[in-house]
Amino acid sequence: MSTSLNPYKALIKEGKLDEAIKGLSDFIENSKEKCTDEAFYLLGNAYRKQGNWQKALNNYLEAIERNPNSPAVQAHQMTMDILNFYNKDMYNQ
C-alpha cells in the first residue's frame, strides 16, 4: 500500500470518517492520472463505516476496475453479503 495514503488509513481507523472522505476525495481528484485502486478501496471503507452502502459499493467497483486483484474484491463481496442478509428491500428503493 502506498505510504501517501497512510494518513487516510489512520483517520479511518480513528473513526474520523468525514475527514478521511474529504481527504481521499481530494487526493483522487488531484491525482486522476496516477490514482490507484487503493484510494478508491479506502474511500469505500470509509463510506461503509458511515453506513453509506451505495457509495461504498461504487468505490469498491472503481477499485476493482482499476485492479482486479484489489482487496476491494473481498470488501465488495462482504458488503453485498451484508446487504443481502439485512436489507433485501434496499434494491427496491
PDB file of N, CA and C in Angstrom:
ATOM      1  N   MET A   1       0.833  -1.185   0.000  1.00  0.00           N
ATOM      2  CA  MET A   1       0.000   0.000   0.000  1.00  0.00           C
ATOM      3  C   MET A   1       0.877   1.248   0.000  1.00  0.00           C
ATOM      4  N   SER A   2       0.362   2.245  -0.618  1.00  0.00           N
ATOM      5  CA  SER A   2       1.102   3.488  -0.765  1.00  0.00           C
ATOM      6  C   SER A   2       1.221   4.221   0.568  1.00  0.00           C
ATOM      7  N   THR A   3       2.411   4.722   0.859  1.00  0.00           N
ATOM      8  CA  THR A   3       2.605   5.458   2.109  1.00  0.00           C
ATOM      9  C   THR A   3       1.906   6.808   2.079  1.00  0.00           C
ATOM     10  N   SER A   4       1.643   7.344   0.877  1.00  0.00           N
ATOM     11  CA  SER A   4       0.950   8.630   0.796  1.00  0.00           C
ATOM     12  C   SER A   4      -0.498   8.528   1.273  1.00  0.00           C
ATOM     13  N   LEU A   5      -1.019   7.321   1.368  1.00  0.00           N
ATOM     14  CA  LEU A   5      -2.391   7.117   1.835  1.00  0.00           C
ATOM     15  C   LEU A   5      -2.468   6.749   3.306  1.00  0.00           C
ATOM     16  N   ASN A   6      -1.334   6.602   3.962  1.00  0.00           N
ATOM     17  CA  ASN A   6      -1.319   6.228   5.382  1.00  0.00           C
ATOM     18  C   ASN A   6      -2.096   7.185   6.283  1.00  0.00           C
ATOM     19  N   PRO A   7      -2.014   8.507   6.067  1.00  0.00           N
ATOM     20  CA  PRO A   7      -2.805   9.400   6.930  1.00  0.00           C
ATOM     21  C   PRO A   7      -4.311   9.131   6.836  1.00  0.00           C
ATOM     22  N   TYR A   8      -4.777   8.775   5.644  1.00  0.00           N
ATOM     23  CA  TYR A   8      -6.205   8.498   5.470  1.00  0.00           C
ATOM     24  C   TYR A   8      -6.591   7.176   6.118  1.00  0.00           C
ATOM     25  N   LYS A   9      -5.696   6.198   6.045  1.00  0.00           N
ATOM     26  CA  LYS A   9      -5.935   4.931   6.733  1.00  0.00           C
ATOM     27  C   LYS A   9      -6.043   5.165   8.234  1.00  0.00           C
ATOM     28  N   ALA A  10      -5.184   6.030   8.770  1.00  0.00           N
ATOM     29  CA  ALA A  10      -5.216   6.336  10.208  1.00  0.00           C
ATOM     30  C   ALA A  10      -6.519   7.037  10.582  1.00  0.00           C
ATOM     31  N   LEU A  11      -6.971   7.969   9.739  1.00  0.00           N
ATOM     32  CA  LEU A  11      -8.231   8.667  10.014  1.00  0.00           C
ATOM     33  C   LEU A  11      -9.405   7.689  10.041  1.00  0.00           C
ATOM     34  N   ILE A  12      -9.421   6.758   9.113  1.00  0.00           N
ATOM     35  CA  ILE A  12     -10.495   5.763   9.077  1.00  0.00           C
ATOM     36  C   ILE A  12     -10.443   4.899  10.338  1.00  0.00           C
ATOM     37  N   LYS A  13      -9.250   4.483  10.699  1.00  0.00           N
ATOM     38  CA  LYS A  13      -9.078   3.641  11.896  1.00  0.00           C
ATOM     39  C   LYS A  13      -9.526   4.382  13.160  1.00  0.00           C
ATOM     40  N   GLU A  14      -9.274   5.697  13.218  1.00  0.00           N
ATOM     41  CA  GLU A  14      -9.656   6.507  14.377  1.00  0.00           C
ATOM     42  C   GLU A  14     -11.130   6.896  14.363  1.00  0.00           C
ATOM     43  N   GLY A  15     -11.830   6.574  13.279  1.00  0.00           N
ATOM     44  CA  GLY A  15     -13.249   6.909  13.191  1.00  0.00           C
ATOM     45  C   GLY A  15     -13.523   8.326  12.717  1.00  0.00           C
ATOM     46  N   LYS A  16     -12.511   8.996  12.206  1.00  0.00           N
ATOM     47  CA  LYS A  16     -12.683  10.358  11.674  1.00  0.00           C
ATOM     48  C   LYS A  16     -13.039  10.244  10.194  1.00  0.00           C
ATOM     49  N   LEU A  17     -14.235   9.734   9.970  1.00  0.00           N
ATOM     50  CA  LEU A  17     -14.635   9.349   8.621  1.00  0.00           C
ATOM     51  C   LEU A  17     -14.854  10.530   7.697  1.00  0.00           C
ATOM     52  N   ASP A  18     -15.444  11.609   8.194  1.00  0.00           N
ATOM     53  CA  ASP A  18     -15.664  12.780   7.339  1.00  0.00           C
ATOM     54  C   ASP A  18     -14.343  13.358   6.843  1.00  0.00           C
ATOM     55  N   GLU A  19     -13.363  13.424   7.735  1.00  0.00           N
ATOM     56  CA  GLU A  19     -12.035  13.922   7.348  1.00  0.00           C
ATOM     57  C   GLU A  19     -11.389  12.991   6.324  1.00  0.00           C
ATOM     58  N   ALA A  20     -11.513  11.707   6.547  1.00  0.00           N
ATOM     59  CA  ALA A  20     -10.926  10.731   5.632  1.00  0.00           C
ATOM     60  C   ALA A  20     -11.575  10.814   4.256  1.00  0.00           C
ATOM     61  N   ILE A  21     -12.895  10.925   4.225  1.00  0.00           N
ATOM     62  CA  ILE A  21     -13.616  11.004   2.952  1.00  0.00           C
ATOM     63  C   ILE A  21     -13.231  12.267   2.196  1.00  0.00           C
ATOM     64  N   LYS A  22     -13.168  13.397   2.898  1.00  0.00           N
ATOM     65  CA  LYS A  22     -12.772  14.650   2.244  1.00  0.00           C
ATOM     66  C   LYS A  22     -11.352  14.536   1.704  1.00  0.00           C
ATOM     67  N   GLY A  23     -10.436  14.043   2.522  1.00  0.00           N
ATOM     68  CA  GLY A  23      -9.043  13.926   2.106  1.00  0.00           C
ATOM     69  C   GLY A  23      -8.857  12.974   0.945  1.00  0.00           C
ATOM     70  N   LEU A  24      -9.511  11.823   1.008  1.00  0.00           N
ATOM     71  CA  LEU A  24      -9.396  10.852  -0.081  1.00  0.00           C
ATOM     72  C   LEU A  24     -10.037  11.363  -1.368  1.00  0.00           C
ATOM     73  N   SER A  25     -11.161  12.049  -1.233  1.00  0.00           N
ATOM     74  CA  SER A  25     -11.809  12.619  -2.415  1.00  0.00           C
ATOM     75  C   SER A  25     -10.905  13.650  -3.077  1.00  0.00           C
ATOM     76  N   ASP A  26     -10.279  14.489  -2.262  1.00  0.00           N
ATOM     77  CA  ASP A  26      -9.335  15.480  -2.799  1.00  0.00           C
ATOM     78  C   ASP A  26      -8.135  14.785  -3.438  1.00  0.00           C
ATOM     79  N   PHE A  27      -7.632  13.761  -2.781  1.00  0.00           N
ATOM     80  CA  PHE A  27      -6.486  13.011  -3.309  1.00  0.00           C
ATOM     81  C   PHE A  27      -6.812  12.422  -4.685  1.00  0.00           C
ATOM     82  N   ILE A  28      -7.978  11.818  -4.800  1.00  0.00           N
ATOM     83  CA  ILE A  28      -8.396  11.200  -6.063  1.00  0.00           C
ATOM     84  C   ILE A  28      -8.581  12.269  -7.139  1.00  0.00           C
ATOM     85  N   GLU A  29      -9.232  13.358  -6.769  1.00  0.00           N
ATOM     86  CA  GLU A  29      -9.491  14.426  -7.741  1.00  0.00           C
ATOM     87  C   GLU A  29      -8.206  15.058  -8.254  1.00  0.00           C
ATOM     88  N   ASN A  30      -7.231  15.209  -7.382  1.00  0.00           N
ATOM     89  CA  ASN A  30      -5.988  15.889  -7.757  1.00  0.00           C
ATOM     90  C   ASN A  30      -4.954  14.962  -8.374  1.00  0.00           C
ATOM     91  N   SER A  31      -5.213  13.672  -8.398  1.00  0.00           N
ATOM     92  CA  SER A  31      -4.233  12.743  -8.964  1.00  0.00           C
ATOM     93  C   SER A  31      -4.901  11.746  -9.901  1.00  0.00           C
ATOM     94  N   LYS A  32      -5.803  12.230 -10.729  1.00  0.00           N
ATOM     95  CA  LYS A  32      -6.553  11.369 -11.649  1.00  0.00           C
ATOM     96  C   LYS A  32      -5.646  10.453 -12.472  1.00  0.00           C
ATOM     97  N   GLU A  33      -4.571  10.991 -12.989  1.00  0.00           N
ATOM     98  CA  GLU A  33      -3.705  10.230 -13.889  1.00  0.00           C
ATOM     99  C   GLU A  33      -3.060   9.026 -13.194  1.00  0.00           C
ATOM    100  N   LYS A  34      -2.605   9.228 -11.960  1.00  0.00           N
ATOM    101  CA  LYS A  34      -1.823   8.183 -11.305  1.00  0.00           C
ATOM    102  C   LYS A  34      -2.553   7.523 -10.132  1.00  0.00           C
ATOM    103  N   CYS A  35      -3.816   7.836  -9.949  1.00  0.00           N
ATOM    104  CA  CYS A  35      -4.566   7.308  -8.815  1.00  0.00           C
ATOM    105  C   CYS A  35      -4.758   5.799  -8.968  1.00  0.00           C
ATOM    106  N   THR A  36      -4.425   5.077  -7.935  1.00  0.00           N
ATOM    107  CA  THR A  36      -4.522   3.626  -7.969  1.00  0.00           C
ATOM    108  C   THR A  36      -5.818   3.153  -7.318  1.00  0.00           C
ATOM    109  N   ASP A  37      -6.016   1.868  -7.368  1.00  0.00           N
ATOM    110  CA  ASP A  37      -7.196   1.261  -6.770  1.00  0.00           C
ATOM    111  C   ASP A  37      -7.251   1.463  -5.258  1.00  0.00           C
ATOM    112  N   GLU A  38      -6.098   1.615  -4.635  1.00  0.00           N
ATOM    113  CA  GLU A  38      -6.029   1.704  -3.173  1.00  0.00           C
ATOM    114  C   GLU A  38      -6.827   2.872  -2.617  1.00  0.00           C
ATOM    115  N   ALA A  39      -6.769   4.026  -3.266  1.00  0.00           N
ATOM    116  CA  ALA A  39      -7.508   5.197  -2.788  1.00  0.00           C
ATOM    117  C   ALA A  39      -9.012   4.943  -2.839  1.00  0.00           C
ATOM    118  N   PHE A  40      -9.477   4.313  -3.910  1.00  0.00           N
ATOM    119  CA  PHE A  40     -10.902   4.008  -4.028  1.00  0.00           C
ATOM    120  C   PHE A  40     -11.324   2.955  -3.007  1.00  0.00           C
ATOM    121  N   TYR A  41     -10.456   1.991  -2.760  1.00  0.00           N
ATOM    122  CA  TYR A  41     -10.719   0.965  -1.743  1.00  0.00           C
ATOM    123  C   TYR A  41     -10.871   1.610  -0.362  1.00  0.00           C
ATOM    124  N   LEU A  42      -9.952   2.493  -0.013  1.00  0.00           N
ATOM    125  CA  LEU A  42     -10.027   3.167   1.285  1.00  0.00           C
ATOM    126  C   LEU A  42     -11.255   4.060   1.381  1.00  0.00           C
ATOM    127  N   LEU A  43     -11.573   4.746   0.297  1.00  0.00           N
ATOM    128  CA  LEU A  43     -12.770   5.594   0.288  1.00  0.00           C
ATOM    129  C   LEU A  43     -14.018   4.728   0.474  1.00  0.00           C
ATOM    130  N   GLY A  44     -14.036   3.581  -0.167  1.00  0.00           N
ATOM    131  CA  GLY A  44     -15.149   2.650   0.026  1.00  0.00           C
ATOM    132  C   GLY A  44     -15.260   2.198   1.472  1.00  0.00           C
ATOM    133  N   ASN A  45     -14.114   1.932   2.101  1.00  0.00           N
ATOM    134  CA  ASN A  45     -14.129   1.533   3.516  1.00  0.00           C
ATOM    135  C   ASN A  45     -14.704   2.626   4.402  1.00  0.00           C
ATOM    136  N   ALA A  46     -14.320   3.867   4.133  1.00  0.00           N
ATOM    137  CA  ALA A  46     -14.825   4.991   4.938  1.00  0.00           C
ATOM    138  C   ALA A  46     -16.337   5.113   4.778  1.00  0.00           C
ATOM    139  N   TYR A  47     -16.817   5.029   3.544  1.00  0.00           N
ATOM    140  CA  TYR A  47     -18.268   5.114   3.325  1.00  0.00           C
ATOM    141  C   TYR A  47     -18.996   3.930   3.960  1.00  0.00           C
ATOM    142  N   ARG A  48     -18.403   2.754   3.894  1.00  0.00           N
ATOM    143  CA  ARG A  48     -19.034   1.576   4.505  1.00  0.00           C
ATOM    144  C   ARG A  48     -19.176   1.772   6.004  1.00  0.00           C
ATOM    145  N   LYS A  49     -18.117   2.295   6.629  1.00  0.00           N
ATOM    146  CA  LYS A  49     -18.175   2.519   8.078  1.00  0.00           C
ATOM    147  C   LYS A  49     -19.203   3.584   8.445  1.00  0.00           C
ATOM    148  N   GLN A  50     -19.478   4.496   7.513  1.00  0.00           N
ATOM    149  CA  GLN A  50     -20.516   5.506   7.734  1.00  0.00           C
ATOM    150  C   GLN A  50     -21.913   4.928   7.533  1.00  0.00           C
ATOM    151  N   GLY A  51     -21.974   3.776   6.880  1.00  0.00           N
ATOM    152  CA  GLY A  51     -23.265   3.187   6.572  1.00  0.00           C
ATOM    153  C   GLY A  51     -23.796   3.617   5.216  1.00  0.00           C
ATOM    154  N   ASN A  52     -22.966   4.282   4.423  1.00  0.00           N
ATOM    155  CA  ASN A  52     -23.367   4.708   3.091  1.00  0.00           C
ATOM    156  C   ASN A  52     -22.996   3.587   2.111  1.00  0.00           C
ATOM    157  N   TRP A  53     -23.866   2.602   2.039  1.00  0.00           N
ATOM    158  CA  TRP A  53     -23.595   1.377   1.301  1.00  0.00           C
ATOM    159  C   TRP A  53     -23.388   1.620  -0.189  1.00  0.00           C
ATOM    160  N   GLN A  54     -24.210   2.482  -0.780  1.00  0.00           N
ATOM    161  CA  GLN A  54     -24.130   2.715  -2.218  1.00  0.00           C
ATOM    162  C   GLN A  54     -22.788   3.331  -2.616  1.00  0.00           C
ATOM    163  N   LYS A  55     -22.360   4.348  -1.889  1.00  0.00           N
ATOM    164  CA  LYS A  55     -21.073   4.973  -2.205  1.00  0.00           C
ATOM    165  C   LYS A  55     -19.916   4.017  -1.934  1.00  0.00           C
ATOM    166  N   ALA A  56     -20.056   3.196  -0.909  1.00  0.00           N
ATOM    167  CA  ALA A  56     -19.021   2.192  -0.629  1.00  0.00           C
ATOM    168  C   ALA A  56     -18.901   1.233  -1.804  1.00  0.00           C
ATOM    169  N   LEU A  57     -20.035   0.718  -2.267  1.00  0.00           N
ATOM    170  CA  LEU A  57     -20.019  -0.221  -3.387  1.00  0.00           C
ATOM    171  C   LEU A  57     -19.464   0.415  -4.646  1.00  0.00           C
ATOM    172  N   ASN A  58     -19.854   1.664  -4.918  1.00  0.00           N
ATOM    173  CA  ASN A  58     -19.350   2.354  -6.107  1.00  0.00           C
ATOM    174  C   ASN A  58     -17.835   2.484  -6.079  1.00  0.00           C
ATOM    175  N   ASN A  59     -17.287   2.818  -4.926  1.00  0.00           N
ATOM    176  CA  ASN A  59     -15.839   2.965  -4.816  1.00  0.00           C
ATOM    177  C   ASN A  59     -15.130   1.620  -4.894  1.00  0.00           C
ATOM    178  N   TYR A  60     -15.722   0.593  -4.311  1.00  0.00           N
ATOM    179  CA  TYR A  60     -15.134  -0.738  -4.438  1.00  0.00           C
ATOM    180  C   TYR A  60     -15.100  -1.172  -5.908  1.00  0.00           C
ATOM    181  N   LEU A  61     -16.187  -0.905  -6.627  1.00  0.00           N
ATOM    182  CA  LEU A  61     -16.234  -1.285  -8.039  1.00  0.00           C
ATOM    183  C   LEU A  61     -15.189  -0.524  -8.857  1.00  0.00           C
ATOM    184  N   GLU A  62     -14.979   0.737  -8.536  1.00  0.00           N
ATOM    185  CA  GLU A  62     -13.947   1.523  -9.224  1.00  0.00           C
ATOM    186  C   GLU A  62     -12.570   0.929  -8.941  1.00  0.00           C
ATOM    187  N   ALA A  63     -12.330   0.545  -7.702  1.00  0.00           N
ATOM    188  CA  ALA A  63     -11.046  -0.066  -7.347  1.00  0.00           C
ATOM    189  C   ALA A  63     -10.849  -1.380  -8.099  1.00  0.00           C
ATOM    190  N   ILE A  64     -11.901  -2.179  -8.185  1.00  0.00           N
ATOM    191  CA  ILE A  64     -11.823  -3.467  -8.880  1.00  0.00           C
ATOM    192  C   ILE A  64     -11.575  -3.259 -10.372  1.00  0.00           C
ATOM    193  N   GLU A  65     -12.201  -2.232 -10.937  1.00  0.00           N
ATOM    194  CA  GLU A  65     -11.994  -1.943 -12.361  1.00  0.00           C
ATOM    195  C   GLU A  65     -10.531  -1.587 -12.637  1.00  0.00           C
ATOM    196  N   ARG A  66      -9.910  -0.871 -11.705  1.00  0.00           N
ATOM    197  CA  ARG A  66      -8.512  -0.475 -11.871  1.00  0.00           C
ATOM    198  C   ARG A  66      -7.546  -1.618 -11.585  1.00  0.00           C
ATOM    199  N   ASN A  67      -7.947  -2.509 -10.674  1.00  0.00           N
ATOM    200  CA  ASN A  67      -7.086  -3.641 -10.314  1.00  0.00           C
ATOM    201  C   ASN A  67      -7.975  -4.820  -9.906  1.00  0.00           C
ATOM    202  N   PRO A  68      -8.136  -5.794 -10.783  1.00  0.00           N
ATOM    203  CA  PRO A  68      -8.992  -6.939 -10.476  1.00  0.00           C
ATOM    204  C   PRO A  68      -8.521  -7.774  -9.282  1.00  0.00           C
ATOM    205  N   ASN A  69      -7.298  -7.557  -8.813  1.00  0.00           N
ATOM    206  CA  ASN A  69      -6.787  -8.287  -7.649  1.00  0.00           C
ATOM    207  C   ASN A  69      -6.801  -7.439  -6.387  1.00  0.00           C
ATOM    208  N   SER A  70      -7.489  -6.328  -6.427  1.00  0.00           N
ATOM    209  CA  SER A  70      -7.563  -5.411  -5.293  1.00  0.00           C
ATOM    210  C   SER A  70      -8.280  -6.069  -4.112  1.00  0.00           C
ATOM    211  N   PRO A  71      -7.939  -5.657  -2.889  1.00  0.00           N
ATOM    212  CA  PRO A  71      -8.701  -6.147  -1.729  1.00  0.00           C
ATOM    213  C   PRO A  71     -10.156  -5.687  -1.771  1.00  0.00           C
ATOM    214  N   ALA A  72     -10.454  -4.778  -2.674  1.00  0.00           N
ATOM    215  CA  ALA A  72     -11.838  -4.319  -2.835  1.00  0.00           C
ATOM    216  C   ALA A  72     -12.749  -5.442  -3.307  1.00  0.00           C
ATOM    217  N   VAL A  73     -12.189  -6.468  -3.939  1.00  0.00           N
ATOM    218  CA  VAL A  73     -13.000  -7.615  -4.376  1.00  0.00           C
ATOM    219  C   VAL A  73     -13.665  -8.254  -3.160  1.00  0.00           C
ATOM    220  N   GLN A  74     -12.877  -8.528  -2.134  1.00  0.00           N
ATOM    221  CA  GLN A  74     -13.419  -9.139  -0.917  1.00  0.00           C
ATOM    222  C   GLN A  74     -14.339  -8.162  -0.167  1.00  0.00           C
ATOM    223  N   ALA A  75     -13.960  -6.886  -0.148  1.00  0.00           N
ATOM    224  CA  ALA A  75     -14.786  -5.888   0.543  1.00  0.00           C
ATOM    225  C   ALA A  75     -16.140  -5.744  -0.148  1.00  0.00           C
ATOM    226  N   HIS A  76     -16.126  -5.756  -1.473  1.00  0.00           N
ATOM    227  CA  HIS A  76     -17.377  -5.669  -2.233  1.00  0.00           C
ATOM    228  C   HIS A  76     -18.256  -6.880  -1.937  1.00  0.00           C
ATOM    229  N   GLN A  77     -17.661  -8.061  -1.970  1.00  0.00           N
ATOM    230  CA  GLN A  77     -18.433  -9.276  -1.711  1.00  0.00           C
ATOM    231  C   GLN A  77     -18.990  -9.276  -0.285  1.00  0.00           C
ATOM    232  N   MET A  78     -18.194  -8.854   0.671  1.00  0.00           N
ATOM    233  CA  MET A  78     -18.647  -8.789   2.061  1.00  0.00           C
ATOM    234  C   MET A  78     -19.825  -7.819   2.196  1.00  0.00           C
ATOM    235  N   THR A  79     -19.698  -6.666   1.569  1.00  0.00           N
ATOM    236  CA  THR A  79     -20.765  -5.665   1.641  1.00  0.00           C
ATOM    237  C   THR A  79     -22.046  -6.197   1.006  1.00  0.00           C
ATOM    238  N   MET A  80     -21.909  -6.862  -0.141  1.00  0.00           N
ATOM    239  CA  MET A  80     -23.089  -7.442  -0.792  1.00  0.00           C
ATOM    240  C   MET A  80     -23.725  -8.519   0.090  1.00  0.00           C
ATOM    241  N   ASP A  81     -22.906  -9.318   0.744  1.00  0.00           N
ATOM    242  CA  ASP A  81     -23.436 -10.340   1.652  1.00  0.00           C
ATOM    243  C   ASP A  81     -24.214  -9.702   2.798  1.00  0.00           C
ATOM    244  N   ILE A  82     -23.677  -8.628   3.341  1.00  0.00           N
ATOM    245  CA  ILE A  82     -24.363  -7.928   4.432  1.00  0.00           C
ATOM    246  C   ILE A  82     -25.694  -7.368   3.946  1.00  0.00           C
ATOM    247  N   LEU A  83     -25.670  -6.699   2.800  1.00  0.00           N
ATOM    248  CA  LEU A  83     -26.900  -6.110   2.275  1.00  0.00           C
ATOM    249  C   LEU A  83     -27.930  -7.181   1.930  1.00  0.00           C
ATOM    250  N   ASN A  84     -27.494  -8.269   1.358  1.00  0.00           N
ATOM    251  CA  ASN A  84     -28.431  -9.339   1.011  1.00  0.00           C
ATOM    252  C   ASN A  84     -29.041  -9.975   2.246  1.00  0.00           C
ATOM    253  N   PHE A  85     -28.291 -10.002   3.322  1.00  0.00           N
ATOM    254  CA  PHE A  85     -28.798 -10.593   4.553  1.00  0.00           C
ATOM    255  C   PHE A  85     -29.729  -9.640   5.298  1.00  0.00           C
ATOM    256  N   TYR A  86     -29.328  -8.367   5.414  1.00  0.00           N
ATOM    257  CA  TYR A  86     -30.067  -7.412   6.241  1.00  0.00           C
ATOM    258  C   TYR A  86     -31.049  -6.539   5.476  1.00  0.00           C
ATOM    259  N   ASN A  87     -30.769  -6.210   4.223  1.00  0.00           N
ATOM    260  CA  ASN A  87     -31.570  -5.219   3.503  1.00  0.00           C
ATOM    261  C   ASN A  87     -32.067  -5.746   2.164  1.00  0.00           C
ATOM    262  N   LYS A  88     -32.822  -6.797   2.184  1.00  0.00           N
ATOM    263  CA  LYS A  88     -33.293  -7.362   0.926  1.00  0.00           C
ATOM    264  C   LYS A  88     -34.130  -6.365   0.130  1.00  0.00           C
ATOM    265  N   ASP A  89     -34.825  -5.449   0.799  1.00  0.00           N
ATOM    266  CA  ASP A  89     -35.663  -4.490   0.074  1.00  0.00           C
ATOM    267  C   ASP A  89     -34.899  -3.222  -0.326  1.00  0.00           C
ATOM    268  N   MET A  90     -33.629  -3.113  -0.010  1.00  0.00           N
ATOM    269  CA  MET A  90     -32.859  -1.914  -0.358  1.00  0.00           C
ATOM    270  C   MET A  90     -32.798  -1.704  -1.867  1.00  0.00           C
ATOM    271  N   TYR A  91     -32.810  -2.782  -2.624  1.00  0.00           N
ATOM    272  CA  TYR A  91     -32.726  -2.689  -4.077  1.00  0.00           C
ATOM    273  C   TYR A  91     -34.000  -2.110  -4.681  1.00  0.00           C
ATOM    274  N   ASN A  92     -35.075  -2.059  -3.893  1.00  0.00           N
ATOM    275  CA  ASN A  92     -36.355  -1.563  -4.406  1.00  0.00           C
ATOM    276  C   ASN A  92     -36.613  -0.115  -4.057  1.00  0.00           C
ATOM    277  N   GLN A  93     -35.615   0.561  -3.529  1.00  0.00           N
ATOM    278  CA  GLN A  93     -35.822   1.960  -3.128  1.00  0.00           C
ATOM    279  C   GLN A  93     -35.693   2.889  -4.303  1.00  0.00           C
TER     280      GLN A  93
END
